[in-house]
Amino acid sequence: MIFDLIKKRRSVFPAQYNDKPIAKTDIEKILQAANWAPNHKKTEPWRFKVILGEKKAELGEFLSNTYIDITPKPKQMKAKKLIENPKKAGAVIAICMQRDPKESIPEWEEVAATAMAVQNMWLCCTEMGIGCYWSSPGLIMYMQEFLEMNEGEKCLGFLYMGYFDGELPEQTRSSITDKVQWMD
């Protein structure tokens, strides 16, 4: 049931991933789920760049070096984490959004559609037993130096993906009644 799947979805971080590779066919299935996200005026603004193999290590080096270059007092632990996280992942997907050149809808609607595409991916990963985590560090503003991007395309973050061992903890939410106002 979809409601149970939604409640089961969690952030699973790179430190939790094991070494089991993710099959390309599984990544393609996850990307197909993204492609069915709702979007206004059929702009389909989501764009994804799948980073595998040695390119993951290059991404980590780029993120770490950029962090060190732009940060007045960089922290060694953070620089190390930026290098290591992509290597720990089975795949890293750069989440990008292509702005409609006609600007026929507000940009926030295209960002929202891209986020819905990521939610579809996340739910698909949950169903397949693949952990994932959407990271959106400030460094994404420099990604055009690492990724080939079209005019009007911007990086919104990274979906780190990997298999993991063990069970994930149960989560709770405060009551929806505190967040809803009924108006009859």
Protein backbone atom coordinates (compact mmCIF):
# COMPACT_ATOMS: atom_id res chain seq x y z
CA MET A 1 0.00 0.00 0.00
CA ILE A 2 1.35 3.43 -0.96
CA PHE A 3 0.63 4.96 2.46
CA ASP A 4 2.85 2.36 4.16
CA LEU A 5 5.62 3.02 1.65
CA ILE A 6 5.40 6.77 2.27
CA LYS A 7 5.70 6.21 6.03
CA LYS A 8 8.68 3.87 5.52
CA ARG A 9 10.72 6.40 3.46
CA ARG A 10 13.84 7.61 5.29
CA SER A 11 17.06 9.47 4.71
CA VAL A 12 19.82 6.88 4.58
CA PHE A 13 23.24 8.52 4.63
CA PRO A 14 26.42 7.46 2.78
CA ALA A 15 28.08 6.34 6.03
CA GLN A 16 25.34 3.66 6.24
CA TYR A 17 25.89 2.22 2.75
CA ASN A 18 27.51 -1.13 2.10
CA ASP A 19 29.55 -2.09 -0.97
CA LYS A 20 26.72 -3.78 -2.92
CA PRO A 21 26.54 -2.16 -6.37
CA ILE A 22 23.30 -0.81 -7.78
CA ALA A 23 22.45 -2.30 -11.16
CA LYS A 24 22.13 0.16 -14.03
CA THR A 25 18.70 -1.31 -14.80
CA ASP A 26 17.57 -0.45 -11.26
CA ILE A 27 18.84 3.11 -11.63
CA GLU A 28 16.96 3.38 -14.92
CA LYS A 29 13.77 2.14 -13.23
CA ILE A 30 14.20 4.77 -10.49
CA LEU A 31 14.70 7.48 -13.14
CA GLN A 32 11.56 6.29 -14.95
CA ALA A 33 9.62 6.83 -11.71
CA ALA A 34 10.95 10.40 -11.61
CA ASN A 35 9.72 11.02 -15.12
CA TRP A 36 6.10 10.56 -14.03
CA ALA A 37 6.10 13.47 -11.58
CA PRO A 38 3.38 16.08 -12.00
CA ASN A 39 4.40 19.34 -13.62
CA HIS A 40 2.61 22.44 -14.82
CA LYS A 41 2.28 23.03 -18.57
CA LYS A 42 4.23 19.82 -19.24
CA THR A 43 7.61 21.53 -18.88
CA GLU A 44 9.16 18.36 -17.36
CA PRO A 45 11.97 20.45 -15.83
CA TRP A 46 13.84 17.65 -14.04
CA ARG A 47 17.26 16.72 -15.34
CA PHE A 48 19.50 14.08 -13.82
CA LYS A 49 23.19 13.34 -14.19
CA VAL A 50 24.09 9.85 -12.97
CA ILE A 51 27.56 9.74 -11.47
CA LEU A 52 29.18 6.30 -11.21
CA GLY A 53 32.60 4.68 -10.95
CA GLU A 54 35.65 6.93 -10.95
CA LYS A 55 33.49 9.98 -11.62
CA LYS A 56 32.21 9.67 -8.00
CA ALA A 57 35.77 10.11 -6.70
CA GLU A 58 36.24 13.10 -9.03
CA LEU A 59 33.02 14.63 -7.67
CA GLY A 60 34.28 14.20 -4.10
CA GLU A 61 37.60 15.84 -4.94
CA PHE A 62 35.82 18.71 -6.70
CA LEU A 63 33.45 19.31 -3.77
CA SER A 64 36.23 19.16 -1.19
CA ASN A 65 38.62 21.39 -3.14
CA THR A 66 35.87 23.91 -3.87
CA TYR A 67 34.88 23.95 -0.19
CA ILE A 68 38.50 24.57 0.84
CA ASP A 69 38.92 27.30 -1.81
CA ILE A 70 35.79 29.29 -0.87
CA THR A 71 35.78 28.84 2.91
CA PRO A 72 37.85 31.23 5.03
CA LYS A 73 38.45 28.62 7.75
CA PRO A 74 37.66 25.21 6.25
CA LYS A 75 37.14 22.29 8.61
CA GLN A 76 39.24 19.23 7.79
CA MET A 77 36.44 16.84 8.84
CA LYS A 78 34.00 18.46 6.44
CA ALA A 79 36.53 18.47 3.60
CA LYS A 80 37.18 14.76 4.22
CA LYS A 81 33.45 13.97 4.32
CA LEU A 82 32.95 15.75 0.99
CA ILE A 83 35.63 13.52 -0.54
CA GLU A 84 34.39 10.27 1.02
CA ASN A 85 30.59 10.46 0.66
CA PRO A 86 30.44 10.10 -3.13
CA LYS A 87 32.84 7.13 -3.00
CA LYS A 88 30.66 5.37 -0.39
CA ALA A 89 27.55 5.68 -2.56
CA GLY A 90 26.51 3.08 -5.12
CA ALA A 91 25.48 6.02 -7.30
CA VAL A 92 25.18 9.77 -6.99
CA ILE A 93 22.55 11.52 -9.05
CA ALA A 94 22.92 15.25 -9.58
CA ILE A 95 19.43 16.71 -9.33
CA CYS A 96 19.09 19.50 -11.85
CA MET A 97 16.24 21.71 -13.01
CA GLN A 98 15.95 23.12 -16.52
CA ARG A 99 14.19 26.45 -16.51
CA ASP A 100 11.53 26.80 -19.20
CA PRO A 101 13.11 29.23 -21.72
CA LYS A 102 9.71 30.91 -22.21
CA GLU A 103 9.36 31.30 -18.44
CA SER A 104 5.73 30.35 -18.96
CA ILE A 105 5.39 29.40 -15.30
CA PRO A 106 7.06 30.67 -12.12
CA GLU A 107 10.44 29.13 -11.38
CA TRP A 108 9.25 27.82 -8.01
CA GLU A 109 6.76 25.57 -9.84
CA GLU A 110 9.60 23.98 -11.81
CA VAL A 111 11.63 23.51 -8.61
CA ALA A 112 8.53 21.94 -7.00
CA ALA A 113 8.04 19.61 -9.98
CA THR A 114 11.69 18.55 -9.76
CA ALA A 115 11.26 17.90 -6.02
CA MET A 116 8.21 15.74 -6.81
CA ALA A 117 10.33 13.79 -9.30
CA VAL A 118 12.89 13.22 -6.53
CA GLN A 119 10.13 12.07 -4.16
CA ASN A 120 9.07 9.52 -6.80
CA MET A 121 12.68 8.33 -6.97
CA TRP A 122 12.93 8.17 -3.19
CA LEU A 123 9.76 6.10 -2.89
CA CYS A 124 10.98 3.79 -5.64
CA CYS A 125 14.31 3.38 -3.82
CA THR A 126 12.45 2.60 -0.60
CA GLU A 127 10.42 -0.09 -2.35
CA MET A 128 13.62 -1.58 -3.83
CA GLY A 129 15.55 -1.58 -0.53
CA ILE A 130 17.97 1.13 -1.66
CA GLY A 131 18.79 3.90 0.78
CA CYS A 132 19.07 7.46 -0.41
CA TYR A 133 19.64 10.98 0.80
CA TRP A 134 19.09 14.35 -0.88
CA SER A 135 22.03 16.61 -0.09
CA SER A 136 21.91 20.24 -1.18
CA PRO A 137 25.14 21.86 -0.02
CA GLY A 138 25.91 25.49 -0.80
CA LEU A 139 28.53 24.11 -3.19
CA ILE A 140 25.81 23.33 -5.75
CA MET A 141 26.16 26.90 -7.03
CA TYR A 142 29.57 25.87 -8.42
CA MET A 143 28.45 22.68 -10.17
CA GLN A 144 28.56 24.20 -13.65
CA GLU A 145 32.35 23.94 -13.24
CA PHE A 146 32.06 20.15 -12.84
CA LEU A 147 28.92 19.18 -14.72
CA GLU A 148 27.98 19.99 -18.26
CA MET A 149 24.81 22.05 -17.97
CA ASN A 150 22.63 23.79 -20.49
CA GLU A 151 21.71 27.46 -20.35
CA GLY A 152 19.00 27.89 -17.72
CA GLU A 153 19.84 24.61 -15.99
CA LYS A 154 20.81 24.61 -12.33
CA CYS A 155 21.86 21.97 -9.85
CA LEU A 156 19.54 21.58 -6.84
CA GLY A 157 21.57 18.93 -5.04
CA PHE A 158 22.62 15.30 -5.08
CA LEU A 159 20.72 12.11 -4.45
CA TYR A 160 23.21 9.76 -2.82
CA MET A 161 22.08 6.14 -3.20
CA GLY A 162 23.30 2.85 -1.76
CA TYR A 163 22.27 -0.44 -0.28
CA PHE A 164 22.51 -0.68 3.49
CA ASP A 165 22.46 -3.32 6.19
CA GLY A 166 20.08 -3.51 9.12
CA GLU A 167 16.76 -1.91 9.88
CA LEU A 168 15.98 1.78 9.85
CA PRO A 169 14.47 3.33 12.97
CA GLU A 170 10.77 4.08 13.16
CA GLN A 171 9.88 7.73 12.72
CA THR A 172 7.15 9.85 14.18
CA ARG A 173 5.46 13.03 13.11
CA SER A 174 3.43 15.47 15.12
CA SER A 175 -0.29 15.24 14.53
CA ILE A 176 -1.62 16.50 11.21
CA THR A 177 -4.45 18.15 13.15
CA ASP A 178 -1.92 20.75 14.33
CA LYS A 179 -1.15 21.63 10.70
CA VAL A 180 -4.61 21.75 9.15
CA GLN A 181 -7.38 24.28 9.34
CA TRP A 182 -10.80 23.08 8.16
CA MET A 183 -12.97 25.75 6.66
CA ASP A 184 -16.60 24.74 6.03
